[in-house]
Amino acid sequence: MLQVSSLNVFYGESHILRDIDLSVEAGEMVCVIGRNGVGKTTLMKAIMGLLSPRGGTIVFDGEKINKKTPDRRARMGIGYVPQGREIIPRLTVKENLLLGWEARQKTVKSSKIPEEILELFPALRSMLGRMGGNLSGGQQQQLAIARALMGKPRLLVLDEPTEGIQPSIVLEIENAIRRIVESEGISVLLVEQHLHFVRQADRYYALQRGGVVASGPTSELSQDTIAQFLAV
């Protein structure tokens, strides 16, 4: 579904990503791990078209998307939840969710939130009229993921979805993500430092100094690798 090959990304003259090779298959959950500052967020932004690579290719569903804009990538079926969530604080929860319709290939004219979204994140059901800025960090993260799912993505890209969130909501988010992979067949690519969440993924890629230095099934993730690449 997603194939990243020999990807090189710069900030000015600083070489951030170096010859990155990465893939995500249909219905698969893949996790990118690594210490702070190794290029994980840069990789997610490049996949979404927020940064332009100087070399390499990004292919989604068999089509090269290097020159496609972020909104076009969203309409092709890539949902994105950035680090920091970026919900709109002066809109209600419902209004934030309805913005997710815009990512669909065909614009949906409906003011109703699909029941399956509310079943995934039941806490949002009683908060639809509340301002997004009045939610806790964990509630905002659930809202951000739910908004991305409103666009019916085939690939969901998550940048540190559990950062700064209380443990009980971390487990709720883990369960929701695993559920959409297993029941909806949505592929997931995420950056994560929470070990329990990392182990929910099928495969991992470890980044160091802008390059992939280890990869494989998460079932084979060793304690040495965990100590080297996870901030735990």
Protein backbone atom coordinates (compact mmCIF):
# COMPACT_ATOMS: atom_id res chain seq x y z
CA MET A 1 0.00 0.00 0.00
CA LEU A 2 2.74 2.47 0.99
CA GLN A 3 6.28 2.16 -0.29
CA VAL A 4 9.00 4.65 0.63
CA SER A 5 12.26 4.15 -1.24
CA SER A 6 15.65 5.87 -0.82
CA LEU A 7 13.99 8.92 0.72
CA ASN A 8 16.23 11.92 1.47
CA VAL A 9 14.87 15.04 3.15
CA PHE A 10 16.70 18.23 4.09
CA TYR A 11 15.94 21.28 6.24
CA GLY A 12 17.94 23.91 4.41
CA GLU A 13 21.36 22.30 4.12
CA SER A 14 20.81 19.96 7.07
CA HIS A 15 20.41 16.37 5.88
CA ILE A 16 17.62 14.99 8.10
CA LEU A 17 16.48 11.73 6.43
CA ARG A 18 19.02 9.53 4.70
CA ASP A 19 17.99 6.86 2.18
CA ILE A 20 14.90 5.74 4.08
CA ASP A 21 13.25 2.52 2.88
CA LEU A 22 9.91 1.66 4.49
CA SER A 23 6.72 -0.14 3.57
CA VAL A 24 3.21 -0.64 4.96
CA GLU A 25 1.02 -3.39 3.57
CA ALA A 26 -2.78 -3.39 3.44
CA GLY A 27 -4.29 -4.11 6.86
CA GLU A 28 -0.92 -3.84 8.59
CA MET A 29 0.17 -1.75 11.57
CA VAL A 30 3.75 -0.48 11.41
CA CYS A 31 5.56 1.52 14.10
CA VAL A 32 8.52 3.88 13.72
CA ILE A 33 10.65 4.16 16.86
CA GLY A 34 13.70 6.17 17.82
CA ARG A 35 14.98 8.77 20.24
CA ASN A 36 13.98 12.42 19.93
CA GLY A 37 15.51 14.29 17.01
CA VAL A 38 16.24 11.31 14.73
CA GLY A 39 13.77 12.36 12.01
CA LYS A 40 10.55 10.51 12.86
CA THR A 41 8.24 13.53 12.52
CA THR A 42 10.11 14.64 9.41
CA LEU A 43 9.34 11.24 7.87
CA MET A 44 5.63 11.56 8.66
CA LYS A 45 5.51 15.09 7.20
CA ALA A 46 7.27 13.95 4.03
CA ILE A 47 4.77 11.12 3.57
CA MET A 48 1.92 13.64 3.93
CA GLY A 49 3.47 16.14 1.51
CA LEU A 50 4.22 18.78 4.13
CA LEU A 51 7.92 18.50 3.29
CA SER A 52 9.42 17.89 -0.15
CA PRO A 53 12.14 15.24 -0.45
CA ARG A 54 15.29 15.95 -2.47
CA GLY A 55 15.57 12.32 -3.47
CA GLY A 56 13.70 9.04 -3.41
CA THR A 57 10.09 8.09 -4.02
CA ILE A 58 6.86 7.76 -2.07
CA VAL A 59 4.33 5.42 -3.66
CA PHE A 60 0.78 4.98 -2.37
CA ASP A 61 -1.52 2.33 -3.79
CA GLY A 62 0.78 1.91 -6.79
CA GLU A 63 0.96 5.62 -7.64
CA LYS A 64 3.96 7.91 -7.09
CA ILE A 65 2.80 10.81 -4.93
CA ASN A 66 5.99 12.89 -4.49
CA LYS A 67 4.46 15.93 -6.22
CA LYS A 68 0.94 15.62 -4.83
CA THR A 69 -0.28 18.21 -2.33
CA PRO A 70 -1.30 17.21 1.23
CA ASP A 71 -5.01 17.69 0.46
CA ARG A 72 -4.72 15.47 -2.62
CA ARG A 73 -2.97 12.78 -0.57
CA ALA A 74 -5.79 12.98 1.98
CA ARG A 75 -8.39 12.48 -0.75
CA MET A 76 -6.41 9.49 -2.05
CA GLY A 77 -6.95 7.86 1.34
CA ILE A 78 -4.15 8.93 3.70
CA GLY A 79 -5.39 10.21 7.06
CA TYR A 80 -2.99 12.16 9.27
CA VAL A 81 -2.94 13.00 12.97
CA PRO A 82 0.09 15.23 13.62
CA GLN A 83 2.06 15.57 16.80
CA GLY A 84 0.19 18.14 18.87
CA ARG A 85 -3.20 17.04 17.45
CA GLU A 86 -4.10 20.43 15.89
CA ILE A 87 -7.79 20.33 16.68
CA ILE A 88 -9.54 23.72 16.31
CA PRO A 89 -10.17 24.99 19.85
CA ARG A 90 -12.96 27.46 18.98
CA LEU A 91 -15.04 24.85 17.19
CA THR A 92 -17.17 22.28 18.96
CA VAL A 93 -16.26 18.61 19.01
CA LYS A 94 -18.97 17.96 16.42
CA GLU A 95 -17.74 20.78 14.16
CA ASN A 96 -14.18 19.45 14.39
CA LEU A 97 -15.41 16.00 13.42
CA LEU A 98 -17.43 17.29 10.47
CA LEU A 99 -14.27 18.86 9.03
CA GLY A 100 -13.09 15.31 8.46
CA TRP A 101 -15.64 14.91 5.65
CA GLU A 102 -13.45 17.18 3.51
CA ALA A 103 -10.85 14.44 3.10
CA ARG A 104 -13.25 12.17 1.23
CA GLN A 105 -13.07 11.74 -2.52
CA LYS A 106 -16.66 12.91 -2.78
CA THR A 107 -17.81 15.60 -0.38
CA VAL A 108 -20.44 14.30 2.00
CA LYS A 109 -23.29 16.67 2.86
CA SER A 110 -24.31 15.42 6.27
CA SER A 111 -24.35 16.82 9.78
CA LYS A 112 -24.57 13.40 11.39
CA ILE A 113 -21.54 11.76 13.00
CA PRO A 114 -21.32 8.09 11.94
CA GLU A 115 -22.19 5.72 14.76
CA GLU A 116 -19.03 3.67 14.21
CA ILE A 117 -16.90 6.72 15.07
CA LEU A 118 -18.74 7.25 18.35
CA GLU A 119 -18.49 3.54 19.15
CA LEU A 120 -14.70 3.72 18.75
CA PHE A 121 -14.45 6.75 21.04
CA PRO A 122 -17.57 6.68 23.25
CA ALA A 123 -16.31 9.55 25.45
CA LEU A 124 -16.89 11.94 22.53
CA ARG A 125 -20.60 11.13 22.36
CA SER A 126 -21.44 13.31 25.38
CA MET A 127 -19.02 16.06 24.31
CA LEU A 128 -20.28 16.89 20.83
CA GLY A 129 -21.40 20.37 21.88
CA ARG A 130 -18.28 21.16 23.90
CA MET A 131 -15.55 23.44 22.53
CA GLY A 132 -12.50 21.48 21.37
CA GLY A 133 -10.21 23.71 23.41
CA ASN A 134 -11.98 22.69 26.61
CA LEU A 135 -11.12 19.00 26.25
CA SER A 136 -8.27 17.31 28.09
CA GLY A 137 -5.19 16.26 26.13
CA GLY A 138 -6.38 12.67 25.91
CA GLN A 139 -9.85 13.72 24.78
CA GLN A 140 -8.33 15.99 22.13
CA GLN A 141 -6.23 13.10 20.86
CA GLN A 142 -9.29 10.90 20.55
CA LEU A 143 -11.03 13.74 18.70
CA ALA A 144 -8.08 14.17 16.33
CA ILE A 145 -8.02 10.46 15.47
CA ALA A 146 -11.81 10.36 15.08
CA ARG A 147 -11.67 13.39 12.76
CA ALA A 148 -9.07 11.65 10.58
CA LEU A 149 -11.27 8.54 10.44
CA MET A 150 -14.21 10.63 9.22
CA GLY A 151 -12.38 10.86 5.90
CA LYS A 152 -12.51 7.05 5.47
CA PRO A 153 -8.72 6.66 5.05
CA ARG A 154 -7.10 3.46 3.88
CA LEU A 155 -3.85 4.45 5.61
CA LEU A 156 -3.82 6.27 8.96
CA VAL A 157 -0.59 8.10 9.86
CA LEU A 158 -0.20 8.91 13.58
CA ASP A 159 2.65 10.95 15.07
CA GLU A 160 3.08 10.03 18.77
CA PRO A 161 -0.62 9.56 19.57
CA THR A 162 -0.01 8.81 23.26
CA GLU A 163 2.39 11.67 24.05
CA GLY A 164 1.48 13.35 27.34
CA ILE A 165 -1.71 11.32 27.84
CA GLN A 166 -2.87 9.60 31.03
CA PRO A 167 -2.47 5.78 31.02
CA SER A 168 -6.21 4.97 31.00
CA ILE A 169 -6.76 6.92 27.77
CA VAL A 170 -3.57 5.47 26.26
CA LEU A 171 -5.19 2.03 26.59
CA GLU A 172 -8.44 3.31 25.01
CA ILE A 173 -6.51 4.71 22.05
CA GLU A 174 -4.49 1.49 21.67
CA ASN A 175 -7.66 -0.58 21.64
CA ALA A 176 -9.36 1.72 19.12
CA ILE A 177 -6.41 1.65 16.72
CA ARG A 178 -6.04 -2.12 16.93
CA ARG A 179 -9.78 -2.45 16.35
CA ILE A 180 -9.79 -0.37 13.15
CA VAL A 181 -6.90 -2.44 11.79
CA GLU A 182 -8.58 -5.74 12.55
CA SER A 183 -12.21 -4.88 11.75
CA GLU A 184 -11.91 -2.19 9.06
CA GLY A 185 -8.70 -3.31 7.37
CA ILE A 186 -7.22 0.18 7.65
CA SER A 187 -3.42 0.26 7.56
CA VAL A 188 -1.65 2.26 10.28
CA LEU A 189 1.79 3.88 10.32
CA LEU A 190 2.64 5.43 13.65
CA VAL A 191 5.48 7.03 15.57
CA GLU A 192 5.36 5.86 19.18
CA GLN A 193 7.49 5.64 22.31
CA HIS A 194 5.02 3.80 24.57
CA LEU A 195 6.34 0.23 24.63
CA HIS A 196 2.97 -1.46 25.13
CA PHE A 197 1.59 0.38 22.10
CA VAL A 198 4.69 -0.39 20.02
CA ARG A 199 4.11 -4.09 20.63
CA GLN A 200 0.58 -3.81 19.20
CA ALA A 201 2.14 -3.17 15.78
CA ASP A 202 2.99 -5.95 13.34
CA ARG A 203 6.40 -4.55 12.39
CA TYR A 204 8.77 -1.78 13.44
CA TYR A 205 11.45 0.44 11.95
CA ALA A 206 14.08 2.00 14.22
CA LEU A 207 15.59 5.32 13.17
CA GLN A 208 18.94 6.73 14.23
CA ARG A 209 20.65 9.81 12.78
CA GLY A 210 18.07 9.99 10.02
CA GLY A 211 18.42 6.43 8.76
CA VAL A 212 16.78 3.06 9.35
CA VAL A 213 19.16 1.00 11.49
CA ALA A 214 16.87 -1.88 12.51
CA SER A 215 13.53 -3.35 11.46
CA GLY A 216 11.46 -6.49 11.79
CA PRO A 217 8.43 -8.02 13.49
CA THR A 218 7.61 -6.43 16.86
CA SER A 219 7.38 -9.95 18.26
CA GLU A 220 11.16 -10.10 17.81
CA LEU A 221 11.85 -6.69 19.37
CA SER A 222 14.73 -7.37 21.77
CA GLN A 223 15.45 -5.70 25.09
CA ASP A 224 18.68 -4.31 23.61
CA THR A 225 16.73 -2.66 20.79
CA ILE A 226 14.17 -1.30 23.25
CA ALA A 227 16.91 0.16 25.44
CA GLN A 228 18.64 1.71 22.44
CA PHE A 229 15.69 3.23 20.62
CA LEU A 230 12.85 3.80 23.08
CA ALA A 231 12.80 6.59 25.65
CA VAL A 232 11.66 4.32 28.49
